[in-house]
């Protein structure tokens, strides 16, 4: 379906800059973010979700996992729970 509808909104310039910087970290532009937001509103029939940039600990863990570093292998669920002391 062709995109032909427009949204015009006035917001504080600082808020726009800060939000767009976060969106850039998430790999999104403003149009993509607004489209996601609207789709989630439609799906959830209300305000939908919280989307956040991972904190430094989470980011490092994801980077390490992608690099195959600091991985822990467990034989099964019992082994996992034992290692986690649960």
C-alpha atoms as a PDB file:
ATOM      1  CA  UNK A   1       0.000   0.000   0.000  1.00  0.00           C
ATOM      2  CA  UNK A   2       1.502   3.379  -0.950  1.00  0.00           C
ATOM      3  CA  UNK A   3       2.320   5.796   1.838  1.00  0.00           C
ATOM      4  CA  UNK A   4       0.376   9.004   1.360  1.00  0.00           C
ATOM      5  CA  UNK A   5      -0.778  10.144   4.825  1.00  0.00           C
ATOM      6  CA  UNK A   6       1.264  12.668   6.797  1.00  0.00           C
ATOM      7  CA  UNK A   7       1.604  13.459  10.468  1.00  0.00           C
ATOM      8  CA  UNK A   8       2.622  16.939  11.583  1.00  0.00           C
ATOM      9  CA  UNK A   9       3.504  17.589  15.204  1.00  0.00           C
ATOM     10  CA  UNK A  10       5.316  20.344  17.051  1.00  0.00           C
ATOM     11  CA  UNK A  11       7.636  19.281  19.846  1.00  0.00           C
ATOM     12  CA  UNK A  12      10.505  20.817  21.738  1.00  0.00           C
ATOM     13  CA  UNK A  13      13.675  20.792  19.602  1.00  0.00           C
ATOM     14  CA  UNK A  14      15.749  19.282  22.425  1.00  0.00           C
ATOM     15  CA  UNK A  15      13.274  16.422  22.861  1.00  0.00           C
ATOM     16  CA  UNK A  16      13.320  15.746  19.107  1.00  0.00           C
ATOM     17  CA  UNK A  17      17.134  15.680  18.996  1.00  0.00           C
ATOM     18  CA  UNK A  18      17.476  13.436  22.044  1.00  0.00           C
ATOM     19  CA  UNK A  19      14.766  11.025  20.884  1.00  0.00           C
ATOM     20  CA  UNK A  20      16.167  10.804  17.355  1.00  0.00           C
ATOM     21  CA  UNK A  21      19.637  10.079  18.753  1.00  0.00           C
ATOM     22  CA  UNK A  22      18.187   7.138  20.700  1.00  0.00           C
ATOM     23  CA  UNK A  23      16.236   5.965  17.656  1.00  0.00           C
ATOM     24  CA  UNK A  24      19.463   6.065  15.642  1.00  0.00           C
ATOM     25  CA  UNK A  25      21.109   3.783  18.236  1.00  0.00           C
ATOM     26  CA  UNK A  26      18.175   1.412  17.763  1.00  0.00           C
ATOM     27  CA  UNK A  27      18.587   1.528  13.980  1.00  0.00           C
ATOM     28  CA  UNK A  28      15.369   3.455  13.362  1.00  0.00           C
ATOM     29  CA  UNK A  29      14.439   6.800  11.907  1.00  0.00           C
ATOM     30  CA  UNK A  30      11.482   8.914  13.067  1.00  0.00           C
ATOM     31  CA  UNK A  31       9.138   7.647  10.341  1.00  0.00           C
ATOM     32  CA  UNK A  32       9.915   4.012  11.161  1.00  0.00           C
ATOM     33  CA  UNK A  33       9.425   4.638  14.885  1.00  0.00           C
ATOM     34  CA  UNK A  34       6.090   6.384  14.366  1.00  0.00           C
ATOM     35  CA  UNK A  35       4.928   3.568  12.066  1.00  0.00           C
ATOM     36  CA  UNK A  36       5.920   0.965  14.693  1.00  0.00           C
ATOM     37  CA  UNK A  37       4.149   2.965  17.370  1.00  0.00           C
ATOM     38  CA  UNK A  38       0.940   3.236  15.345  1.00  0.00           C
ATOM     39  CA  UNK A  39       0.991  -0.471  14.447  1.00  0.00           C
ATOM     40  CA  UNK A  40       1.421  -1.414  18.088  1.00  0.00           C
ATOM     41  CA  UNK A  41      -1.414   0.911  19.081  1.00  0.00           C
ATOM     42  CA  UNK A  42      -3.595  -0.875  16.533  1.00  0.00           C
ATOM     43  CA  UNK A  43      -2.527  -4.360  17.686  1.00  0.00           C
ATOM     44  CA  UNK A  44      -2.853  -3.574  21.403  1.00  0.00           C
ATOM     45  CA  UNK A  45      -5.846  -1.293  21.055  1.00  0.00           C
ATOM     46  CA  UNK A  46      -4.032   1.186  23.273  1.00  0.00           C
ATOM     47  CA  UNK A  47      -0.583   2.445  24.158  1.00  0.00           C
ATOM     48  CA  UNK A  48       1.676  -0.495  23.555  1.00  0.00           C
ATOM     49  CA  UNK A  49       5.224  -0.911  24.767  1.00  0.00           C
ATOM     50  CA  UNK A  50       8.440   0.343  26.260  1.00  0.00           C
ATOM     51  CA  UNK A  51      11.433   0.358  23.919  1.00  0.00           C
ATOM     52  CA  UNK A  52      14.792   1.168  25.473  1.00  0.00           C
ATOM     53  CA  UNK A  53      18.437   1.246  24.575  1.00  0.00           C
ATOM     54  CA  UNK A  54      20.203  -1.527  26.521  1.00  0.00           C
ATOM     55  CA  UNK A  55      22.293  -0.400  29.496  1.00  0.00           C
ATOM     56  CA  UNK A  56      26.072  -0.908  29.408  1.00  0.00           C
ATOM     57  CA  UNK A  57      25.967  -4.296  31.182  1.00  0.00           C
ATOM     58  CA  UNK A  58      23.339  -5.659  28.783  1.00  0.00           C
ATOM     59  CA  UNK A  59      25.168  -4.213  25.779  1.00  0.00           C
ATOM     60  CA  UNK A  60      28.463  -5.833  26.880  1.00  0.00           C
ATOM     61  CA  UNK A  61      26.736  -9.170  27.478  1.00  0.00           C
ATOM     62  CA  UNK A  62      25.185  -9.092  24.011  1.00  0.00           C
ATOM     63  CA  UNK A  63      28.523  -8.173  22.432  1.00  0.00           C
ATOM     64  CA  UNK A  64      30.308 -10.956  24.347  1.00  0.00           C
ATOM     65  CA  UNK A  65      27.666 -13.504  23.384  1.00  0.00           C
ATOM     66  CA  UNK A  66      27.882 -12.521  19.718  1.00  0.00           C
ATOM     67  CA  UNK A  67      31.677 -12.932  19.933  1.00  0.00           C
ATOM     68  CA  UNK A  68      31.371 -16.305  21.683  1.00  0.00           C
ATOM     69  CA  UNK A  69      33.056 -14.958  24.841  1.00  0.00           C
ATOM     70  CA  UNK A  70      32.188 -15.656  28.483  1.00  0.00           C
ATOM     71  CA  UNK A  71      29.660 -18.336  27.572  1.00  0.00           C
ATOM     72  CA  UNK A  72      28.529 -20.922  30.105  1.00  0.00           C
ATOM     73  CA  UNK A  73      27.334 -24.277  28.822  1.00  0.00           C
ATOM     74  CA  UNK A  74      24.942 -26.402  30.890  1.00  0.00           C
ATOM     75  CA  UNK A  75      24.121 -30.090  30.480  1.00  0.00           C
ATOM     76  CA  UNK A  76      20.435 -29.532  31.177  1.00  0.00           C
ATOM     77  CA  UNK A  77      17.980 -27.328  33.070  1.00  0.00           C
ATOM     78  CA  UNK A  78      18.987 -28.828  36.433  1.00  0.00           C
ATOM     79  CA  UNK A  79      22.623 -27.965  35.762  1.00  0.00           C
ATOM     80  CA  UNK A  80      21.597 -24.436  34.810  1.00  0.00           C
ATOM     81  CA  UNK A  81      19.565 -23.953  37.986  1.00  0.00           C
ATOM     82  CA  UNK A  82      22.394 -25.341  40.094  1.00  0.00           C
ATOM     83  CA  UNK A  83      24.888 -22.936  38.528  1.00  0.00           C
ATOM     84  CA  UNK A  84      22.474 -20.062  39.125  1.00  0.00           C
ATOM     85  CA  UNK A  85      21.962 -21.285  42.698  1.00  0.00           C
ATOM     86  CA  UNK A  86      18.210 -21.483  42.195  1.00  0.00           C
END
